[in-house]
Amino acid sequence: MNYLKPVWNEKIIAKGEVMKRGNTIGLIKCDVFDEGGSLVAHALSTCMILRGDKSTGR
């Protein structure tokens, strides 16, 4: 997570999006905005999709 500015006593809105989804790997982003619509934080993540026996216990 990259924090761009502080937020003290406001509501925030988070908007997540799957940017690219493959069979095994996905790229996910999330932007967080303050009440005025200003970007206050941003996250980017690469996620692995596990299926079958490989996903047991996860």
PDB file of N, CA and C in Angstrom:
ATOM      1  N   MET A   1       0.857  -1.167   0.000  1.00  0.00           N
ATOM      2  CA  MET A   1       0.000   0.000   0.000  1.00  0.00           C
ATOM      3  C   MET A   1       0.898   1.223   0.000  1.00  0.00           C
ATOM      4  N   ASN A   2       0.616   2.161  -0.854  1.00  0.00           N
ATOM      5  CA  ASN A   2       1.321   3.443  -0.892  1.00  0.00           C
ATOM      6  C   ASN A   2       0.366   4.521  -0.400  1.00  0.00           C
ATOM      7  N   TYR A   3       0.742   5.183   0.683  1.00  0.00           N
ATOM      8  CA  TYR A   3      -0.073   6.238   1.275  1.00  0.00           C
ATOM      9  C   TYR A   3       0.397   7.582   0.733  1.00  0.00           C
ATOM     10  N   LEU A   4      -0.524   8.371   0.215  1.00  0.00           N
ATOM     11  CA  LEU A   4      -0.184   9.621  -0.446  1.00  0.00           C
ATOM     12  C   LEU A   4      -0.450  10.847   0.404  1.00  0.00           C
ATOM     13  N   LYS A   5      -1.430  10.764   1.298  1.00  0.00           N
ATOM     14  CA  LYS A   5      -1.704  11.872   2.210  1.00  0.00           C
ATOM     15  C   LYS A   5      -2.539  11.370   3.372  1.00  0.00           C
ATOM     16  N   PRO A   6      -2.468  12.036   4.519  1.00  0.00           N
ATOM     17  CA  PRO A   6      -3.227  11.566   5.685  1.00  0.00           C
ATOM     18  C   PRO A   6      -4.716  11.898   5.581  1.00  0.00           C
ATOM     19  N   VAL A   7      -5.513  11.078   6.232  1.00  0.00           N
ATOM     20  CA  VAL A   7      -6.951  11.305   6.352  1.00  0.00           C
ATOM     21  C   VAL A   7      -7.280  11.185   7.832  1.00  0.00           C
ATOM     22  N   TRP A   8      -7.911  12.222   8.401  1.00  0.00           N
ATOM     23  CA  TRP A   8      -8.157  12.226   9.832  1.00  0.00           C
ATOM     24  C   TRP A   8      -9.592  11.899  10.176  1.00  0.00           C
ATOM     25  N   ASN A   9     -10.524  12.769   9.904  1.00  0.00           N
ATOM     26  CA  ASN A   9     -11.912  12.573  10.314  1.00  0.00           C
ATOM     27  C   ASN A   9     -12.833  12.621   9.109  1.00  0.00           C
ATOM     28  N   GLU A  10     -12.564  11.782   8.150  1.00  0.00           N
ATOM     29  CA  GLU A  10     -13.383  11.710   6.936  1.00  0.00           C
ATOM     30  C   GLU A  10     -13.697  10.259   6.632  1.00  0.00           C
ATOM     31  N   LYS A  11     -14.739  10.059   5.877  1.00  0.00           N
ATOM     32  CA  LYS A  11     -15.008   8.741   5.326  1.00  0.00           C
ATOM     33  C   LYS A  11     -14.117   8.566   4.109  1.00  0.00           C
ATOM     34  N   ILE A  12     -13.717   7.333   3.864  1.00  0.00           N
ATOM     35  CA  ILE A  12     -12.919   7.034   2.675  1.00  0.00           C
ATOM     36  C   ILE A  12     -13.668   6.027   1.816  1.00  0.00           C
ATOM     37  N   ILE A  13     -13.339   6.005   0.558  1.00  0.00           N
ATOM     38  CA  ILE A  13     -13.956   5.087  -0.394  1.00  0.00           C
ATOM     39  C   ILE A  13     -12.835   4.315  -1.078  1.00  0.00           C
ATOM     40  N   ALA A  14     -12.924   2.989  -1.059  1.00  0.00           N
ATOM     41  CA  ALA A  14     -11.940   2.140  -1.725  1.00  0.00           C
ATOM     42  C   ALA A  14     -12.576   1.516  -2.962  1.00  0.00           C
ATOM     43  N   LYS A  15     -11.860   1.561  -4.075  1.00  0.00           N
ATOM     44  CA  LYS A  15     -12.341   0.972  -5.324  1.00  0.00           C
ATOM     45  C   LYS A  15     -11.296  -0.013  -5.821  1.00  0.00           C
ATOM     46  N   GLY A  16     -11.673  -1.298  -5.850  1.00  0.00           N
ATOM     47  CA  GLY A  16     -10.770  -2.351  -6.302  1.00  0.00           C
ATOM     48  C   GLY A  16     -11.098  -2.779  -7.719  1.00  0.00           C
ATOM     49  N   GLU A  17     -10.084  -3.281  -8.421  1.00  0.00           N
ATOM     50  CA  GLU A  17     -10.269  -3.699  -9.808  1.00  0.00           C
ATOM     51  C   GLU A  17      -9.283  -4.814 -10.145  1.00  0.00           C
ATOM     52  N   VAL A  18      -9.769  -5.836 -10.838  1.00  0.00           N
ATOM     53  CA  VAL A  18      -8.894  -6.856 -11.402  1.00  0.00           C
ATOM     54  C   VAL A  18      -8.432  -6.313 -12.748  1.00  0.00           C
ATOM     55  N   MET A  19      -7.154  -5.999 -12.849  1.00  0.00           N
ATOM     56  CA  MET A  19      -6.627  -5.406 -14.074  1.00  0.00           C
ATOM     57  C   MET A  19      -6.354  -6.468 -15.146  1.00  0.00           C
ATOM     58  N   LYS A  20      -5.872  -7.636 -14.706  1.00  0.00           N
ATOM     59  CA  LYS A  20      -5.579  -8.722 -15.633  1.00  0.00           C
ATOM     60  C   LYS A  20      -5.745 -10.031 -14.898  1.00  0.00           C
ATOM     61  N   ARG A  21      -6.508 -10.950 -15.457  1.00  0.00           N
ATOM     62  CA  ARG A  21      -6.685 -12.263 -14.841  1.00  0.00           C
ATOM     63  C   ARG A  21      -6.291 -13.328 -15.840  1.00  0.00           C
ATOM     64  N   GLY A  22      -5.294 -14.098 -15.468  1.00  0.00           N
ATOM     65  CA  GLY A  22      -4.880 -15.235 -16.279  1.00  0.00           C
ATOM     66  C   GLY A  22      -5.360 -16.521 -15.637  1.00  0.00           C
ATOM     67  N   ASN A  23      -4.858 -17.650 -16.119  1.00  0.00           N
ATOM     68  CA  ASN A  23      -5.246 -18.942 -15.544  1.00  0.00           C
ATOM     69  C   ASN A  23      -4.631 -19.165 -14.171  1.00  0.00           C
ATOM     70  N   THR A  24      -3.461 -18.569 -13.925  1.00  0.00           N
ATOM     71  CA  THR A  24      -2.763 -18.783 -12.662  1.00  0.00           C
ATOM     72  C   THR A  24      -2.462 -17.494 -11.922  1.00  0.00           C
ATOM     73  N   ILE A  25      -2.184 -16.419 -12.625  1.00  0.00           N
ATOM     74  CA  ILE A  25      -1.757 -15.162 -12.017  1.00  0.00           C
ATOM     75  C   ILE A  25      -2.768 -14.058 -12.326  1.00  0.00           C
ATOM     76  N   GLY A  26      -3.027 -13.205 -11.332  1.00  0.00           N
ATOM     77  CA  GLY A  26      -3.907 -12.053 -11.518  1.00  0.00           C
ATOM     78  C   GLY A  26      -3.236 -10.792 -11.008  1.00  0.00           C
ATOM     79  N   LEU A  27      -3.533  -9.671 -11.638  1.00  0.00           N
ATOM     80  CA  LEU A  27      -3.022  -8.373 -11.218  1.00  0.00           C
ATOM     81  C   LEU A  27      -4.203  -7.555 -10.702  1.00  0.00           C
ATOM     82  N   ILE A  28      -4.109  -7.126  -9.439  1.00  0.00           N
ATOM     83  CA  ILE A  28      -5.199  -6.441  -8.749  1.00  0.00           C
ATOM     84  C   ILE A  28      -4.732  -5.058  -8.316  1.00  0.00           C
ATOM     85  N   LYS A  29      -5.621  -4.051  -8.438  1.00  0.00           N
ATOM     86  CA  LYS A  29      -5.277  -2.731  -7.907  1.00  0.00           C
ATOM     87  C   LYS A  29      -6.421  -2.211  -7.057  1.00  0.00           C
ATOM     88  N   CYS A  30      -6.083  -1.317  -6.132  1.00  0.00           N
ATOM     89  CA  CYS A  30      -7.074  -0.693  -5.276  1.00  0.00           C
ATOM     90  C   CYS A  30      -6.680   0.758  -5.051  1.00  0.00           C
ATOM     91  N   ASP A  31      -7.603   1.675  -5.283  1.00  0.00           N
ATOM     92  CA  ASP A  31      -7.395   3.093  -5.016  1.00  0.00           C
ATOM     93  C   ASP A  31      -8.310   3.508  -3.868  1.00  0.00           C
ATOM     94  N   VAL A  32      -7.795   4.346  -2.969  1.00  0.00           N
ATOM     95  CA  VAL A  32      -8.565   4.837  -1.834  1.00  0.00           C
ATOM     96  C   VAL A  32      -8.688   6.355  -1.964  1.00  0.00           C
ATOM     97  N   PHE A  33      -9.924   6.857  -1.865  1.00  0.00           N
ATOM     98  CA  PHE A  33     -10.209   8.274  -2.051  1.00  0.00           C
ATOM     99  C   PHE A  33     -10.813   8.856  -0.779  1.00  0.00           C
ATOM    100  N   ASP A  34     -10.587  10.164  -0.543  1.00  0.00           N
ATOM    101  CA  ASP A  34     -11.252  10.848   0.566  1.00  0.00           C
ATOM    102  C   ASP A  34     -12.609  11.354   0.101  1.00  0.00           C
ATOM    103  N   GLU A  35     -13.328  12.051   0.972  1.00  0.00           N
ATOM    104  CA  GLU A  35     -14.678  12.530   0.645  1.00  0.00           C
ATOM    105  C   GLU A  35     -14.689  13.497  -0.533  1.00  0.00           C
ATOM    106  N   GLY A  36     -13.598  14.223  -0.737  1.00  0.00           N
ATOM    107  CA  GLY A  36     -13.512  15.172  -1.845  1.00  0.00           C
ATOM    108  C   GLY A  36     -13.104  14.533  -3.160  1.00  0.00           C
ATOM    109  N   GLY A  37     -12.855  13.224  -3.165  1.00  0.00           N
ATOM    110  CA  GLY A  37     -12.484  12.525  -4.389  1.00  0.00           C
ATOM    111  C   GLY A  37     -10.989  12.525  -4.664  1.00  0.00           C
ATOM    112  N   SER A  38     -10.200  12.976  -3.691  1.00  0.00           N
ATOM    113  CA  SER A  38      -8.752  13.020  -3.849  1.00  0.00           C
ATOM    114  C   SER A  38      -8.149  11.652  -3.511  1.00  0.00           C
ATOM    115  N   LEU A  39      -7.205  11.201  -4.312  1.00  0.00           N
ATOM    116  CA  LEU A  39      -6.541   9.922  -4.089  1.00  0.00           C
ATOM    117  C   LEU A  39      -5.653  10.018  -2.857  1.00  0.00           C
ATOM    118  N   VAL A  40      -5.879   9.136  -1.873  1.00  0.00           N
ATOM    119  CA  VAL A  40      -5.086   9.169  -0.644  1.00  0.00           C
ATOM    120  C   VAL A  40      -4.204   7.934  -0.474  1.00  0.00           C
ATOM    121  N   ALA A  41      -4.507   6.845  -1.183  1.00  0.00           N
ATOM    122  CA  ALA A  41      -3.687   5.642  -1.109  1.00  0.00           C
ATOM    123  C   ALA A  41      -3.910   4.791  -2.354  1.00  0.00           C
ATOM    124  N   HIS A  42      -2.898   3.970  -2.656  1.00  0.00           N
ATOM    125  CA  HIS A  42      -2.953   3.137  -3.846  1.00  0.00           C
ATOM    126  C   HIS A  42      -2.246   1.817  -3.544  1.00  0.00           C
ATOM    127  N   ALA A  43      -2.814   0.704  -3.989  1.00  0.00           N
ATOM    128  CA  ALA A  43      -2.189  -0.606  -3.799  1.00  0.00           C
ATOM    129  C   ALA A  43      -2.212  -1.373  -5.107  1.00  0.00           C
ATOM    130  N   LEU A  44      -1.185  -2.176  -5.309  1.00  0.00           N
ATOM    131  CA  LEU A  44      -1.073  -3.032  -6.494  1.00  0.00           C
ATOM    132  C   LEU A  44      -0.560  -4.383  -6.020  1.00  0.00           C
ATOM    133  N   SER A  45      -1.192  -5.467  -6.464  1.00  0.00           N
ATOM    134  CA  SER A  45      -0.815  -6.789  -5.983  1.00  0.00           C
ATOM    135  C   SER A  45      -0.892  -7.813  -7.109  1.00  0.00           C
ATOM    136  N   THR A  46       0.057  -8.731  -7.097  1.00  0.00           N
ATOM    137  CA  THR A  46       0.016  -9.892  -7.975  1.00  0.00           C
ATOM    138  C   THR A  46      -0.440 -11.065  -7.127  1.00  0.00           C
ATOM    139  N   CYS A  47      -1.487 -11.752  -7.581  1.00  0.00           N
ATOM    140  CA  CYS A  47      -2.057 -12.859  -6.812  1.00  0.00           C
ATOM    141  C   CYS A  47      -2.000 -14.139  -7.625  1.00  0.00           C
ATOM    142  N   MET A  48      -1.769 -15.270  -6.924  1.00  0.00           N
ATOM    143  CA  MET A  48      -1.746 -16.566  -7.582  1.00  0.00           C
ATOM    144  C   MET A  48      -3.055 -17.295  -7.293  1.00  0.00           C
ATOM    145  N   ILE A  49      -3.638 -17.870  -8.319  1.00  0.00           N
ATOM    146  CA  ILE A  49      -4.878 -18.625  -8.190  1.00  0.00           C
ATOM    147  C   ILE A  49      -4.506 -20.098  -8.049  1.00  0.00           C
ATOM    148  N   LEU A  50      -4.899 -20.715  -6.928  1.00  0.00           N
ATOM    149  CA  LEU A  50      -4.600 -22.122  -6.682  1.00  0.00           C
ATOM    150  C   LEU A  50      -5.866 -22.945  -6.868  1.00  0.00           C
ATOM    151  N   ARG A  51      -5.706 -24.092  -7.525  1.00  0.00           N
ATOM    152  CA  ARG A  51      -6.849 -24.973  -7.783  1.00  0.00           C
ATOM    153  C   ARG A  51      -6.495 -26.410  -7.413  1.00  0.00           C
ATOM    154  N   GLY A  52      -7.520 -27.213  -7.189  1.00  0.00           N
ATOM    155  CA  GLY A  52      -7.321 -28.635  -6.964  1.00  0.00           C
ATOM    156  C   GLY A  52      -6.525 -28.931  -5.715  1.00  0.00           C
ATOM    157  N   ASP A  53      -5.654 -29.946  -5.788  1.00  0.00           N
ATOM    158  CA  ASP A  53      -4.865 -30.390  -4.636  1.00  0.00           C
ATOM    159  C   ASP A  53      -3.949 -29.302  -4.109  1.00  0.00           C
ATOM    160  N   LYS A  54      -3.506 -28.381  -4.978  1.00  0.00           N
ATOM    161  CA  LYS A  54      -2.577 -27.321  -4.573  1.00  0.00           C
ATOM    162  C   LYS A  54      -3.246 -26.307  -3.634  1.00  0.00           C
ATOM    163  N   SER A  55      -4.559 -26.244  -3.637  1.00  0.00           N
ATOM    164  CA  SER A  55      -5.246 -25.239  -2.822  1.00  0.00           C
ATOM    165  C   SER A  55      -5.656 -25.772  -1.446  1.00  0.00           C
ATOM    166  N   THR A  56      -5.409 -27.032  -1.178  1.00  0.00           N
ATOM    167  CA  THR A  56      -5.813 -27.636   0.090  1.00  0.00           C
ATOM    168  C   THR A  56      -5.089 -26.964   1.262  1.00  0.00           C
ATOM    169  N   GLY A  57      -5.863 -26.553   2.267  1.00  0.00           N
ATOM    170  CA  GLY A  57      -5.295 -25.973   3.465  1.00  0.00           C
ATOM    171  C   GLY A  57      -4.879 -24.527   3.321  1.00  0.00           C
ATOM    172  N   ARG A  58      -5.315 -23.847   2.282  1.00  0.00           N
ATOM    173  CA  ARG A  58      -4.910 -22.445   2.081  1.00  0.00           C
ATOM    174  C   ARG A  58      -6.088 -21.532   2.239  1.00  0.00           C
TER     175      ARG A  58
END
